[in-house]
Amino acid sequence: MELEYLNSVKKQFTYYKALGEKTFVQLEDNDFFWQYNAQSNSIAIIVNHLWGNMTSRWTDFLISDGEKEWRERDLEFDDIIKTKAELLEKWQIGWDCLFEALASVKQENFNTEILIRNQSHSISEALNRQLAHYAYHIGQIVYLGRMLKSDSWQSLSIPKGDSKLFNKEKFSKGKHGGHFTDDIL
């Protein structure tokens, strides 16, 4: 049961990572730094925050608190990232940290207590917490990308008006297994 859950969560994280990356490829370099106003976050700021959160939460997560002493969360919301290349590097570092941590979870350590700001979590609780957090921010990235690209935006899942065709293809396969993202990614 635990490993089935873990595999499902890995697929969900992979899906959200892919949504971010499918957004990135549609953007011009300056789009990553656009802000609606001074109080709003650019895509670069959101990526910087995700990087900070991921590296803090998942570095040595089985043996140390997820809120590392070296993390400077408030600075994550400043204009730290200056280039698209730097943004993509931090994006990848954060995701690599997460997926390396998930690869370390085995049946024998699945019941390890995880701490985040000294609050106890099961591995499932910690994963659910972070999955929801990352989905929230990647939704912001996608929304900003869609606003910026307007009429030239390319759908990341089922294009508007194609739901019936997509459903027809899914149902034509008969009852089947797999993950819902298998036909989208």
N, C-alpha and C. Protein backbone atom coordinates (compact mmCIF):
# COMPACT_ATOMS: atom_id res chain seq x y z
N MET A 1 0.83 -1.19 0.00
CA MET A 1 0.00 0.00 0.00
C MET A 1 0.87 1.25 0.00
N GLU A 2 1.89 1.29 0.87
CA GLU A 2 2.74 2.48 0.97
C GLU A 2 3.49 2.73 -0.33
N LEU A 3 4.03 1.68 -0.93
CA LEU A 3 4.80 1.85 -2.16
C LEU A 3 3.90 2.23 -3.34
N GLU A 4 2.68 1.72 -3.34
CA GLU A 4 1.71 2.12 -4.37
C GLU A 4 1.40 3.61 -4.24
N TYR A 5 1.20 4.06 -3.02
CA TYR A 5 0.98 5.49 -2.77
C TYR A 5 2.19 6.31 -3.21
N LEU A 6 3.38 5.87 -2.85
CA LEU A 6 4.61 6.57 -3.20
C LEU A 6 4.76 6.69 -4.72
N ASN A 7 4.48 5.62 -5.44
CA ASN A 7 4.56 5.66 -6.90
C ASN A 7 3.55 6.64 -7.49
N SER A 8 2.36 6.67 -6.92
CA SER A 8 1.33 7.61 -7.38
C SER A 8 1.77 9.05 -7.14
N VAL A 9 2.33 9.31 -5.97
CA VAL A 9 2.79 10.66 -5.65
C VAL A 9 3.93 11.08 -6.58
N LYS A 10 4.83 10.17 -6.88
CA LYS A 10 5.92 10.48 -7.82
C LYS A 10 5.36 10.90 -9.17
N LYS A 11 4.34 10.19 -9.64
CA LYS A 11 3.72 10.54 -10.92
C LYS A 11 3.05 11.91 -10.85
N GLN A 12 2.42 12.21 -9.71
CA GLN A 12 1.79 13.52 -9.55
C GLN A 12 2.83 14.64 -9.58
N PHE A 13 3.94 14.45 -8.84
CA PHE A 13 5.01 15.44 -8.86
C PHE A 13 5.55 15.61 -10.28
N THR A 14 5.76 14.50 -10.98
CA THR A 14 6.25 14.55 -12.35
C THR A 14 5.29 15.32 -13.25
N TYR A 15 4.01 15.12 -13.05
CA TYR A 15 2.98 15.83 -13.81
C TYR A 15 3.09 17.34 -13.58
N TYR A 16 3.19 17.77 -12.34
CA TYR A 16 3.26 19.20 -12.07
C TYR A 16 4.57 19.80 -12.57
N LYS A 17 5.65 19.06 -12.47
CA LYS A 17 6.92 19.52 -13.04
C LYS A 17 6.76 19.74 -14.54
N ALA A 18 6.12 18.78 -15.22
CA ALA A 18 5.91 18.88 -16.66
C ALA A 18 5.02 20.07 -17.02
N LEU A 19 4.01 20.35 -16.21
CA LEU A 19 3.16 21.52 -16.48
C LEU A 19 3.99 22.81 -16.44
N GLY A 20 4.87 22.91 -15.45
CA GLY A 20 5.74 24.08 -15.38
C GLY A 20 6.63 24.18 -16.60
N GLU A 21 7.23 23.07 -16.99
CA GLU A 21 8.16 23.07 -18.11
C GLU A 21 7.44 23.32 -19.44
N LYS A 22 6.23 22.81 -19.58
CA LYS A 22 5.45 23.08 -20.80
C LYS A 22 5.06 24.57 -20.87
N THR A 23 4.94 25.18 -19.72
CA THR A 23 4.71 26.63 -19.70
C THR A 23 5.98 27.37 -20.09
N PHE A 24 7.10 26.98 -19.51
CA PHE A 24 8.37 27.65 -19.77
C PHE A 24 8.70 27.72 -21.25
N VAL A 25 8.47 26.63 -21.98
CA VAL A 25 8.85 26.60 -23.40
C VAL A 25 8.02 27.55 -24.25
N GLN A 26 6.89 27.98 -23.74
CA GLN A 26 6.05 28.91 -24.49
C GLN A 26 6.41 30.37 -24.24
N LEU A 27 7.29 30.63 -23.29
CA LEU A 27 7.56 32.00 -22.86
C LEU A 27 8.81 32.59 -23.49
N GLU A 28 8.79 33.90 -23.64
CA GLU A 28 9.97 34.67 -24.02
C GLU A 28 10.78 34.91 -22.75
N ASP A 29 12.06 35.17 -22.88
CA ASP A 29 12.93 35.35 -21.71
C ASP A 29 12.39 36.39 -20.73
N ASN A 30 11.91 37.52 -21.24
CA ASN A 30 11.43 38.58 -20.35
C ASN A 30 10.13 38.23 -19.64
N ASP A 31 9.38 37.26 -20.16
CA ASP A 31 8.11 36.84 -19.54
C ASP A 31 8.32 36.28 -18.13
N PHE A 32 9.47 35.66 -17.89
CA PHE A 32 9.74 35.04 -16.59
C PHE A 32 9.83 36.07 -15.46
N PHE A 33 10.03 37.32 -15.82
CA PHE A 33 10.28 38.37 -14.82
C PHE A 33 9.14 39.39 -14.73
N TRP A 34 8.08 39.17 -15.51
CA TRP A 34 6.95 40.09 -15.50
C TRP A 34 6.18 39.97 -14.20
N GLN A 35 5.80 41.13 -13.62
CA GLN A 35 4.96 41.17 -12.43
C GLN A 35 3.78 42.08 -12.70
N TYR A 36 2.62 41.67 -12.27
CA TYR A 36 1.41 42.48 -12.44
C TYR A 36 1.57 43.81 -11.71
N ASN A 37 2.11 43.74 -10.49
CA ASN A 37 2.43 44.93 -9.70
C ASN A 37 3.54 44.58 -8.73
N ALA A 38 3.97 45.55 -7.94
CA ALA A 38 5.11 45.33 -7.04
C ALA A 38 4.82 44.29 -5.96
N GLN A 39 3.56 44.05 -5.63
CA GLN A 39 3.21 43.08 -4.59
C GLN A 39 3.03 41.67 -5.14
N SER A 40 2.99 41.52 -6.45
CA SER A 40 2.76 40.19 -7.03
C SER A 40 4.09 39.52 -7.35
N ASN A 41 4.03 38.23 -7.55
CA ASN A 41 5.23 37.45 -7.85
C ASN A 41 5.35 37.19 -9.34
N SER A 42 6.55 37.28 -9.84
CA SER A 42 6.84 36.85 -11.21
C SER A 42 7.04 35.33 -11.20
N ILE A 43 7.11 34.75 -12.37
CA ILE A 43 7.42 33.33 -12.46
C ILE A 43 8.79 33.06 -11.85
N ALA A 44 9.75 33.95 -12.07
CA ALA A 44 11.09 33.78 -11.50
C ALA A 44 11.05 33.75 -9.97
N ILE A 45 10.26 34.60 -9.37
CA ILE A 45 10.14 34.62 -7.91
C ILE A 45 9.49 33.33 -7.42
N ILE A 46 8.47 32.87 -8.10
CA ILE A 46 7.81 31.62 -7.70
C ILE A 46 8.79 30.45 -7.80
N VAL A 47 9.56 30.40 -8.88
CA VAL A 47 10.55 29.33 -9.04
C VAL A 47 11.59 29.41 -7.93
N ASN A 48 12.04 30.60 -7.60
CA ASN A 48 13.02 30.76 -6.52
C ASN A 48 12.46 30.26 -5.20
N HIS A 49 11.20 30.55 -4.94
CA HIS A 49 10.55 30.06 -3.72
C HIS A 49 10.44 28.53 -3.74
N LEU A 50 10.02 27.96 -4.87
CA LEU A 50 9.93 26.50 -4.96
C LEU A 50 11.29 25.86 -4.73
N TRP A 51 12.34 26.42 -5.34
CA TRP A 51 13.70 25.92 -5.14
C TRP A 51 14.08 25.94 -3.66
N GLY A 52 13.83 27.07 -3.00
CA GLY A 52 14.16 27.18 -1.58
C GLY A 52 13.40 26.19 -0.74
N ASN A 53 12.12 26.04 -1.02
CA ASN A 53 11.29 25.10 -0.28
C ASN A 53 11.74 23.66 -0.52
N MET A 54 11.94 23.32 -1.78
CA MET A 54 12.32 21.94 -2.11
C MET A 54 13.66 21.56 -1.52
N THR A 55 14.64 22.42 -1.64
CA THR A 55 15.96 22.06 -1.12
C THR A 55 15.95 21.98 0.40
N SER A 56 15.14 22.83 1.03
CA SER A 56 15.04 22.78 2.49
C SER A 56 14.28 21.54 2.95
N ARG A 57 13.14 21.31 2.36
CA ARG A 57 12.28 20.20 2.80
C ARG A 57 12.89 18.83 2.55
N TRP A 58 13.59 18.67 1.42
CA TRP A 58 13.96 17.33 0.98
C TRP A 58 15.43 16.97 1.21
N THR A 59 16.27 17.92 1.55
CA THR A 59 17.66 17.60 1.88
C THR A 59 17.67 16.88 3.23
N ASP A 60 18.19 15.67 3.25
CA ASP A 60 18.27 14.87 4.48
C ASP A 60 16.94 14.81 5.23
N PHE A 61 15.84 14.69 4.49
CA PHE A 61 14.52 14.81 5.10
C PHE A 61 14.19 13.70 6.09
N LEU A 62 14.85 12.56 5.98
CA LEU A 62 14.57 11.48 6.93
C LEU A 62 15.28 11.67 8.27
N ILE A 63 16.27 12.57 8.30
CA ILE A 63 17.05 12.73 9.54
C ILE A 63 17.15 14.16 10.05
N SER A 64 16.60 15.12 9.32
CA SER A 64 16.68 16.51 9.79
C SER A 64 15.37 17.24 9.51
N ASP A 65 15.14 18.29 10.25
CA ASP A 65 13.93 19.09 10.09
C ASP A 65 13.88 19.67 8.67
N GLY A 66 12.70 19.73 8.10
CA GLY A 66 12.51 20.24 6.75
C GLY A 66 12.67 21.74 6.62
N GLU A 67 12.71 22.44 7.71
CA GLU A 67 12.98 23.88 7.66
C GLU A 67 14.42 24.06 8.12
N LYS A 68 15.33 24.07 7.16
CA LYS A 68 16.76 24.13 7.45
C LYS A 68 17.17 25.50 7.97
N GLU A 69 18.18 25.50 8.84
CA GLU A 69 18.71 26.76 9.39
C GLU A 69 19.26 27.66 8.29
N TRP A 70 19.79 27.06 7.23
CA TRP A 70 20.40 27.84 6.15
C TRP A 70 19.39 28.44 5.19
N ARG A 71 18.13 28.03 5.27
CA ARG A 71 17.12 28.57 4.37
C ARG A 71 16.80 30.02 4.74
N GLU A 72 16.73 30.87 3.74
CA GLU A 72 16.34 32.27 3.95
C GLU A 72 15.06 32.52 3.15
N ARG A 73 13.95 32.05 3.71
CA ARG A 73 12.67 32.06 3.00
C ARG A 73 12.26 33.45 2.54
N ASP A 74 12.43 34.47 3.37
CA ASP A 74 12.01 35.81 2.97
C ASP A 74 12.72 36.29 1.71
N LEU A 75 13.97 35.90 1.53
CA LEU A 75 14.72 36.30 0.34
C LEU A 75 14.23 35.59 -0.92
N GLU A 76 13.52 34.48 -0.74
CA GLU A 76 12.98 33.75 -1.90
C GLU A 76 11.98 34.59 -2.68
N PHE A 77 11.43 35.62 -2.05
CA PHE A 77 10.42 36.45 -2.69
C PHE A 77 10.99 37.77 -3.20
N ASP A 78 12.31 37.85 -3.26
CA ASP A 78 13.00 39.00 -3.86
C ASP A 78 13.39 38.63 -5.29
N ASP A 79 13.75 39.64 -6.06
CA ASP A 79 14.19 39.41 -7.44
C ASP A 79 15.63 38.90 -7.45
N ILE A 80 15.80 37.65 -7.08
CA ILE A 80 17.12 37.03 -6.97
C ILE A 80 17.56 36.49 -8.34
N ILE A 81 16.66 35.79 -9.00
CA ILE A 81 16.98 35.18 -10.30
C ILE A 81 16.98 36.27 -11.37
N LYS A 82 18.05 36.31 -12.16
CA LYS A 82 18.20 37.37 -13.16
C LYS A 82 18.15 36.89 -14.60
N THR A 83 18.32 35.58 -14.82
CA THR A 83 18.31 35.05 -16.19
C THR A 83 17.45 33.79 -16.28
N LYS A 84 17.02 33.50 -17.49
CA LYS A 84 16.26 32.27 -17.71
C LYS A 84 17.12 31.05 -17.39
N ALA A 85 18.40 31.10 -17.73
CA ALA A 85 19.30 29.97 -17.46
C ALA A 85 19.39 29.71 -15.96
N GLU A 86 19.50 30.76 -15.16
CA GLU A 86 19.55 30.61 -13.71
C GLU A 86 18.24 30.05 -13.18
N LEU A 87 17.13 30.50 -13.74
CA LEU A 87 15.81 30.00 -13.34
C LEU A 87 15.70 28.50 -13.62
N LEU A 88 16.10 28.09 -14.81
CA LEU A 88 16.01 26.67 -15.17
C LEU A 88 16.93 25.81 -14.32
N GLU A 89 18.09 26.35 -13.96
CA GLU A 89 19.01 25.62 -13.10
C GLU A 89 18.42 25.41 -11.71
N LYS A 90 17.87 26.46 -11.12
CA LYS A 90 17.27 26.33 -9.78
C LYS A 90 16.05 25.41 -9.83
N TRP A 91 15.25 25.53 -10.87
CA TRP A 91 14.10 24.65 -11.07
C TRP A 91 14.55 23.19 -11.01
N GLN A 92 15.58 22.85 -11.77
CA GLN A 92 16.05 21.47 -11.85
C GLN A 92 16.68 21.01 -10.53
N ILE A 93 17.44 21.88 -9.87
CA ILE A 93 18.05 21.52 -8.58
C ILE A 93 16.96 21.17 -7.57
N GLY A 94 15.91 21.98 -7.50
CA GLY A 94 14.82 21.70 -6.56
C GLY A 94 14.15 20.36 -6.84
N TRP A 95 13.81 20.11 -8.10
CA TRP A 95 13.14 18.86 -8.45
C TRP A 95 14.07 17.66 -8.24
N ASP A 96 15.36 17.81 -8.58
CA ASP A 96 16.30 16.72 -8.35
C ASP A 96 16.36 16.37 -6.86
N CYS A 97 16.37 17.38 -6.02
CA CYS A 97 16.41 17.16 -4.58
C CYS A 97 15.18 16.37 -4.13
N LEU A 98 14.02 16.77 -4.61
CA LEU A 98 12.78 16.07 -4.28
C LEU A 98 12.81 14.62 -4.75
N PHE A 99 13.14 14.39 -6.01
CA PHE A 99 13.09 13.03 -6.54
C PHE A 99 14.17 12.13 -5.94
N GLU A 100 15.33 12.69 -5.59
CA GLU A 100 16.34 11.89 -4.89
C GLU A 100 15.84 11.48 -3.50
N ALA A 101 15.16 12.40 -2.83
CA ALA A 101 14.60 12.08 -1.52
C ALA A 101 13.54 10.99 -1.64
N LEU A 102 12.67 11.11 -2.63
CA LEU A 102 11.62 10.10 -2.81
C LEU A 102 12.22 8.73 -3.13
N ALA A 103 13.31 8.72 -3.86
CA ALA A 103 13.97 7.44 -4.19
C ALA A 103 14.55 6.77 -2.95
N SER A 104 14.79 7.55 -1.90
CA SER A 104 15.35 6.97 -0.67
C SER A 104 14.28 6.34 0.22
N VAL A 105 13.03 6.57 -0.09
CA VAL A 105 11.95 6.00 0.72
C VAL A 105 11.71 4.56 0.30
N LYS A 106 11.77 3.68 1.27
CA LYS A 106 11.57 2.25 1.06
C LYS A 106 10.52 1.75 2.05
N GLN A 107 10.07 0.55 1.85
CA GLN A 107 9.09 -0.05 2.76
C GLN A 107 9.58 0.02 4.21
N GLU A 108 10.87 -0.27 4.42
CA GLU A 108 11.40 -0.33 5.79
C GLU A 108 11.54 1.03 6.47
N ASN A 109 11.53 2.14 5.73
CA ASN A 109 11.63 3.45 6.39
C ASN A 109 10.39 4.32 6.16
N PHE A 110 9.34 3.73 5.61
CA PHE A 110 8.14 4.51 5.29
C PHE A 110 7.46 5.08 6.53
N ASN A 111 7.66 4.49 7.66
CA ASN A 111 7.03 4.98 8.89
C ASN A 111 7.91 5.93 9.68
N THR A 112 8.95 6.44 9.08
CA THR A 112 9.84 7.40 9.73
C THR A 112 9.08 8.71 9.99
N GLU A 113 9.28 9.24 11.16
CA GLU A 113 8.69 10.54 11.50
C GLU A 113 9.47 11.65 10.77
N ILE A 114 8.74 12.54 10.12
CA ILE A 114 9.32 13.67 9.40
C ILE A 114 8.96 14.94 10.17
N LEU A 115 9.94 15.82 10.34
CA LEU A 115 9.69 17.09 11.02
C LEU A 115 9.75 18.24 10.03
N ILE A 116 8.79 19.14 10.14
CA ILE A 116 8.79 20.39 9.41
C ILE A 116 8.47 21.48 10.41
N ARG A 117 9.47 22.33 10.66
CA ARG A 117 9.38 23.36 11.70
C ARG A 117 9.03 22.72 13.06
N ASN A 118 9.66 21.61 13.30
CA ASN A 118 9.53 20.85 14.54
C ASN A 118 8.13 20.26 14.75
N GLN A 119 7.33 20.23 13.70
CA GLN A 119 6.01 19.61 13.76
C GLN A 119 6.11 18.23 13.10
N SER A 120 5.63 17.23 13.79
CA SER A 120 5.72 15.85 13.34
C SER A 120 4.76 15.58 12.17
N HIS A 121 5.29 14.87 11.17
CA HIS A 121 4.51 14.44 10.01
C HIS A 121 4.87 12.99 9.71
N SER A 122 3.90 12.23 9.24
CA SER A 122 4.23 10.95 8.62
C SER A 122 4.79 11.29 7.23
N ILE A 123 5.41 10.33 6.60
CA ILE A 123 5.88 10.58 5.23
C ILE A 123 4.71 10.93 4.33
N SER A 124 3.59 10.24 4.48
CA SER A 124 2.40 10.55 3.67
C SER A 124 1.94 11.98 3.90
N GLU A 125 1.90 12.41 5.15
CA GLU A 125 1.48 13.79 5.44
C GLU A 125 2.44 14.81 4.84
N ALA A 126 3.74 14.54 4.95
CA ALA A 126 4.74 15.46 4.39
C ALA A 126 4.61 15.51 2.87
N LEU A 127 4.41 14.37 2.24
CA LEU A 127 4.25 14.34 0.79
C LEU A 127 2.98 15.08 0.36
N ASN A 128 1.88 14.83 1.06
CA ASN A 128 0.63 15.52 0.72
C ASN A 128 0.77 17.03 0.88
N ARG A 129 1.42 17.43 1.97
CA ARG A 129 1.63 18.86 2.22
C ARG A 129 2.40 19.50 1.08
N GLN A 130 3.50 18.87 0.67
CA GLN A 130 4.33 19.46 -0.37
C GLN A 130 3.70 19.33 -1.75
N LEU A 131 3.01 18.25 -2.03
CA LEU A 131 2.33 18.10 -3.31
C LEU A 131 1.32 19.22 -3.51
N ALA A 132 0.53 19.49 -2.48
CA ALA A 132 -0.47 20.56 -2.57
C ALA A 132 0.22 21.92 -2.72
N HIS A 133 1.30 22.13 -1.98
CA HIS A 133 2.04 23.40 -2.04
C HIS A 133 2.61 23.62 -3.43
N TYR A 134 3.23 22.61 -4.01
CA TYR A 134 3.84 22.77 -5.33
C TYR A 134 2.78 22.93 -6.41
N ALA A 135 1.68 22.18 -6.31
CA ALA A 135 0.59 22.32 -7.29
C ALA A 135 0.02 23.73 -7.26
N TYR A 136 -0.11 24.29 -6.08
CA TYR A 136 -0.60 25.66 -5.91
C TYR A 136 0.29 26.64 -6.67
N HIS A 137 1.59 26.54 -6.48
CA HIS A 137 2.50 27.49 -7.12
C HIS A 137 2.66 27.22 -8.61
N ILE A 138 2.63 25.97 -9.02
CA ILE A 138 2.74 25.69 -10.44
C ILE A 138 1.47 26.15 -11.16
N GLY A 139 0.34 26.06 -10.49
CA GLY A 139 -0.88 26.65 -11.04
C GLY A 139 -0.71 28.15 -11.27
N GLN A 140 -0.04 28.82 -10.36
CA GLN A 140 0.23 30.25 -10.55
C GLN A 140 1.13 30.47 -11.77
N ILE A 141 2.15 29.64 -11.91
CA ILE A 141 3.06 29.76 -13.06
C ILE A 141 2.28 29.57 -14.36
N VAL A 142 1.46 28.54 -14.42
CA VAL A 142 0.67 28.27 -15.62
C VAL A 142 -0.28 29.44 -15.91
N TYR A 143 -0.92 29.94 -14.88
CA TYR A 143 -1.86 31.06 -15.07
C TYR A 143 -1.14 32.30 -15.60
N LEU A 144 0.02 32.60 -15.03
CA LEU A 144 0.79 33.74 -15.51
C LEU A 144 1.21 33.52 -16.97
N GLY A 145 1.67 32.32 -17.28
CA GLY A 145 2.06 32.01 -18.65
C GLY A 145 0.89 32.16 -19.61
N ARG A 146 -0.25 31.69 -19.20
CA ARG A 146 -1.45 31.79 -20.06
C ARG A 146 -1.85 33.25 -20.27
N MET A 147 -1.77 34.04 -19.23
CA MET A 147 -2.09 35.48 -19.37
C MET A 147 -1.09 36.16 -20.32
N LEU A 148 0.18 35.85 -20.13
CA LEU A 148 1.21 36.48 -20.94
C LEU A 148 1.12 36.09 -22.42
N LYS A 149 0.79 34.85 -22.70
CA LYS A 149 0.75 34.38 -24.09
C LYS A 149 -0.60 34.64 -24.75
N SER A 150 -1.64 34.86 -23.99
CA SER A 150 -2.96 35.20 -24.49
C SER A 150 -3.41 34.24 -25.61
N ASP A 151 -3.67 34.76 -26.78
CA ASP A 151 -4.20 33.94 -27.88
C ASP A 151 -3.20 32.93 -28.43
N SER A 152 -1.91 33.10 -28.16
CA SER A 152 -0.92 32.15 -28.67
C SER A 152 -0.63 31.02 -27.67
N TRP A 153 -1.33 31.00 -26.54
CA TRP A 153 -1.15 29.96 -25.53
C TRP A 153 -1.53 28.60 -26.10
N GLN A 154 -0.67 27.61 -25.85
CA GLN A 154 -0.94 26.23 -26.25
C GLN A 154 -1.38 25.45 -25.00
N SER A 155 -2.53 24.82 -25.07
CA SER A 155 -3.08 24.09 -23.94
C SER A 155 -2.10 23.05 -23.42
N LEU A 156 -2.09 22.86 -22.11
CA LEU A 156 -1.19 21.89 -21.48
C LEU A 156 -1.85 20.55 -21.23
N SER A 157 -3.15 20.48 -21.45
CA SER A 157 -3.83 19.21 -21.23
C SER A 157 -4.84 18.99 -22.36
N ILE A 158 -6.10 18.98 -22.06
CA ILE A 158 -7.13 18.78 -23.08
C ILE A 158 -7.51 20.15 -23.62
N PRO A 159 -7.23 20.42 -24.89
CA PRO A 159 -7.56 21.74 -25.43
C PRO A 159 -9.05 22.04 -25.35
N LYS A 160 -9.35 23.31 -25.18
CA LYS A 160 -10.74 23.76 -25.12
C LYS A 160 -11.49 23.27 -26.36
N GLY A 161 -12.62 22.66 -26.12
CA GLY A 161 -13.45 22.15 -27.22
C GLY A 161 -13.14 20.72 -27.62
N ASP A 162 -12.11 20.11 -27.02
CA ASP A 162 -11.71 18.75 -27.39
C ASP A 162 -12.06 17.70 -26.34
N SER A 163 -12.86 18.06 -25.35
CA SER A 163 -13.18 17.12 -24.26
C SER A 163 -13.90 15.88 -24.77
N LYS A 164 -14.85 16.05 -25.67
CA LYS A 164 -15.60 14.89 -26.16
C LYS A 164 -14.69 13.93 -26.92
N LEU A 165 -13.80 14.46 -27.75
CA LEU A 165 -12.86 13.62 -28.49
C LEU A 165 -11.92 12.90 -27.53
N PHE A 166 -11.40 13.62 -26.53
CA PHE A 166 -10.50 13.01 -25.55
C PHE A 166 -11.22 11.88 -24.81
N ASN A 167 -12.44 12.16 -24.34
CA ASN A 167 -13.20 11.13 -23.62
C ASN A 167 -13.51 9.93 -24.51
N LYS A 168 -13.84 10.17 -25.77
CA LYS A 168 -14.13 9.07 -26.70
C LYS A 168 -12.91 8.16 -26.82
N GLU A 169 -11.73 8.76 -26.95
CA GLU A 169 -10.50 7.97 -27.06
C GLU A 169 -10.23 7.19 -25.77
N LYS A 170 -10.45 7.82 -24.61
CA LYS A 170 -10.24 7.13 -23.33
C LYS A 170 -11.19 5.95 -23.18
N PHE A 171 -12.47 6.18 -23.47
CA PHE A 171 -13.46 5.12 -23.30
C PHE A 171 -13.30 4.02 -24.35
N SER A 172 -12.72 4.34 -25.51
CA SER A 172 -12.53 3.32 -26.54
C SER A 172 -11.50 2.27 -26.12
N LYS A 173 -10.69 2.56 -25.13
CA LYS A 173 -9.69 1.62 -24.63
C LYS A 173 -10.28 0.56 -23.72
N GLY A 174 -11.53 0.75 -23.33
CA GLY A 174 -12.12 -0.16 -22.36
C GLY A 174 -11.55 0.14 -20.98
N LYS A 175 -12.00 -0.62 -20.01
CA LYS A 175 -11.51 -0.43 -18.64
C LYS A 175 -10.01 -0.74 -18.62
N HIS A 176 -9.24 0.18 -18.06
CA HIS A 176 -7.79 0.00 -18.06
C HIS A 176 -7.17 0.68 -16.85
N GLY A 177 -5.95 0.33 -16.58
CA GLY A 177 -5.21 0.91 -15.47
C GLY A 177 -4.32 2.04 -15.94
N GLY A 178 -3.36 2.35 -15.11
CA GLY A 178 -2.44 3.43 -15.43
C GLY A 178 -2.74 4.67 -14.62
N HIS A 179 -1.99 5.68 -14.88
CA HIS A 179 -2.15 6.96 -14.19
C HIS A 179 -2.85 7.92 -15.14
N PHE A 180 -3.67 8.82 -14.61
CA PHE A 180 -4.43 9.71 -15.48
C PHE A 180 -3.54 10.57 -16.35
N THR A 181 -2.30 10.78 -15.97
CA THR A 181 -1.41 11.62 -16.76
C THR A 181 -0.77 10.86 -17.93
N ASP A 182 -0.95 9.56 -17.99
CA ASP A 182 -0.29 8.76 -19.04
C ASP A 182 -0.64 9.25 -20.44
N ASP A 183 -1.84 9.74 -20.65
CA ASP A 183 -2.26 10.20 -21.98
C ASP A 183 -2.09 11.70 -22.16
N ILE A 184 -1.59 12.38 -21.15
CA ILE A 184 -1.45 13.84 -21.22
C ILE A 184 0.01 14.24 -21.36
N LEU A 185 0.89 13.57 -20.64
CA LEU A 185 2.31 13.97 -20.65
C LEU A 185 3.01 13.58 -21.92
